[in-house]
C-alpha atoms as a PDB file:
ATOM      1  CA  MET A   1     -17.461  25.503  -7.414  1.00  0.00           C
ATOM      2  CA  GLU A   2     -14.122  26.982  -6.610  1.00  0.00           C
ATOM      3  CA  TRP A   3     -10.607  25.475  -6.684  1.00  0.00           C
ATOM      4  CA  PHE A   4      -8.423  26.039  -3.612  1.00  0.00           C
ATOM      5  CA  ASP A   5      -5.411  24.422  -1.977  1.00  0.00           C
ATOM      6  CA  ILE A   6      -5.697  22.686   1.367  1.00  0.00           C
ATOM      7  CA  ASN A   7      -3.104  21.516   3.850  1.00  0.00           C
ATOM      8  CA  ASN A   8      -2.044  17.857   3.380  1.00  0.00           C
ATOM      9  CA  ASN A   9      -1.961  17.313   7.163  1.00  0.00           C
ATOM     10  CA  GLY A  10      -4.973  15.867   8.917  1.00  0.00           C
ATOM     11  CA  ARG A  11      -6.235  13.881  11.874  1.00  0.00           C
ATOM     12  CA  LEU A  12      -6.939  10.147  11.968  1.00  0.00           C
ATOM     13  CA  ILE A  13     -10.650   9.699  12.722  1.00  0.00           C
ATOM     14  CA  GLU A  14     -10.871   5.893  12.514  1.00  0.00           C
ATOM     15  CA  PHE A  15      -8.664   3.035  11.338  1.00  0.00           C
ATOM     16  CA  SER A  16      -8.455  -0.705  10.924  1.00  0.00           C
ATOM     17  CA  ALA A  17      -5.411  -2.964  10.645  1.00  0.00           C
ATOM     18  CA  SER A  18      -5.302  -5.988   8.360  1.00  0.00           C
ATOM     19  CA  TYR A  19      -3.019  -9.006   7.928  1.00  0.00           C
ATOM     20  CA  ILE A  20      -4.225 -10.485   4.670  1.00  0.00           C
ATOM     21  CA  VAL A  21      -1.982 -13.219   3.254  1.00  0.00           C
ATOM     22  CA  GLY A  22       0.650 -12.401   5.886  1.00  0.00           C
ATOM     23  CA  GLU A  23       1.011  -8.788   4.757  1.00  0.00           C
ATOM     24  CA  ARG A  24       0.306  -6.069   7.303  1.00  0.00           C
ATOM     25  CA  SER A  25      -1.560  -2.977   6.257  1.00  0.00           C
ATOM     26  CA  ALA A  26      -3.978  -0.407   7.627  1.00  0.00           C
ATOM     27  CA  PHE A  27      -6.575   1.915   6.220  1.00  0.00           C
ATOM     28  CA  GLY A  28      -8.491   4.705   7.841  1.00  0.00           C
ATOM     29  CA  VAL A  29     -10.569   7.843   7.641  1.00  0.00           C
ATOM     30  CA  VAL A  30      -8.593  11.088   7.790  1.00  0.00           C
ATOM     31  CA  GLU A  31     -10.115  14.517   8.336  1.00  0.00           C
ATOM     32  CA  LEU A  32      -8.420  17.405   6.521  1.00  0.00           C
ATOM     33  CA  ASP A  33      -9.210  21.142   6.517  1.00  0.00           C
ATOM     34  CA  TYR A  34     -12.794  22.208   5.813  1.00  0.00           C
ATOM     35  CA  ASN A  35     -14.117  18.922   7.295  1.00  0.00           C
ATOM     36  CA  ILE A  36     -12.981  16.980   4.214  1.00  0.00           C
ATOM     37  CA  ARG A  37     -12.756  13.284   5.064  1.00  0.00           C
ATOM     38  CA  LEU A  38     -10.852  10.782   2.935  1.00  0.00           C
ATOM     39  CA  ILE A  39     -10.417   7.030   3.190  1.00  0.00           C
ATOM     40  CA  GLY A  40      -6.889   5.852   2.504  1.00  0.00           C
ATOM     41  CA  LYS A  41      -4.004   3.588   3.317  1.00  0.00           C
ATOM     42  CA  ILE A  42      -2.124   4.381   6.526  1.00  0.00           C
ATOM     43  CA  SER A  43       1.613   3.607   6.354  1.00  0.00           C
ATOM     44  CA  TYR A  44       3.315   2.919   9.669  1.00  0.00           C
ATOM     45  CA  ASP A  45       6.428   1.381  11.198  1.00  0.00           C
ATOM     46  CA  ASP A  46       4.749   0.042  14.333  1.00  0.00           C
ATOM     47  CA  ILE A  47       1.013  -0.552  14.793  1.00  0.00           C
ATOM     48  CA  LYS A  48       1.354   1.076  18.232  1.00  0.00           C
ATOM     49  CA  GLN A  49       1.839   4.399  16.400  1.00  0.00           C
ATOM     50  CA  LEU A  50      -1.762   4.334  15.223  1.00  0.00           C
ATOM     51  CA  LYS A  51      -4.296   5.872  17.575  1.00  0.00           C
ATOM     52  CA  ILE A  52      -7.491   7.748  16.868  1.00  0.00           C
ATOM     53  CA  GLY A  53      -6.802  11.472  16.884  1.00  0.00           C
ATOM     54  CA  ILE A  54      -3.127  11.394  15.861  1.00  0.00           C
ATOM     55  CA  HIS A  55      -1.888  13.785  13.214  1.00  0.00           C
ATOM     56  CA  VAL A  56      -1.058  12.326   9.820  1.00  0.00           C
ATOM     57  CA  ARG A  57       0.290  13.679   6.535  1.00  0.00           C
ATOM     58  CA  MET A  58      -0.802  12.698   3.036  1.00  0.00           C
ATOM     59  CA  ILE A  59       2.263  11.257   1.313  1.00  0.00           C
ATOM     60  CA  ARG A  60       0.673  10.026  -1.940  1.00  0.00           C
ATOM     61  CA  CYS A  61      -2.477  10.507  -3.913  1.00  0.00           C
ATOM     62  CA  GLY A  62      -3.538   9.943  -7.460  1.00  0.00           C
ATOM     63  CA  ILE A  63      -5.742   7.940  -9.782  1.00  0.00           C
ATOM     64  CA  ASN A  64      -5.137   4.294 -10.606  1.00  0.00           C
ATOM     65  CA  ASP A  65      -7.457   2.594 -13.137  1.00  0.00           C
ATOM     66  CA  ASN A  66      -9.842   5.572 -12.838  1.00  0.00           C
ATOM     67  CA  GLU A  67     -10.026   5.129  -9.044  1.00  0.00           C
ATOM     68  CA  PRO A  68      -8.594   7.745  -6.659  1.00  0.00           C
ATOM     69  CA  TYR A  69      -6.202   6.620  -3.930  1.00  0.00           C
ATOM     70  CA  TYR A  70      -4.713   8.314  -0.867  1.00  0.00           C
ATOM     71  CA  GLU A  71      -1.889   7.314   1.456  1.00  0.00           C
ATOM     72  CA  PHE A  72      -1.083   8.850   4.834  1.00  0.00           C
ATOM     73  CA  GLN A  73       1.552   8.391   7.526  1.00  0.00           C
ATOM     74  CA  PRO A  74       1.799   9.532  11.153  1.00  0.00           C
ATOM     75  CA  ILE A  75       3.655  12.806  11.675  1.00  0.00           C
END
């Protein structure tokens, strides 16, 4: 294995919007460099912004309760 930096910009491959308990949210699959695909939350102002193939940027990532999380937003 080798450690290397990758760009935090990617492309939205697939997404789904949700309105659970009256709260809007979306999650999707984002493809980064080297064909790395991550599942994460997609932050948006208007659901019309979200379309397959748009460019997104990772705005947060980390580990919460030993589980990784990722958050993206349209560029």
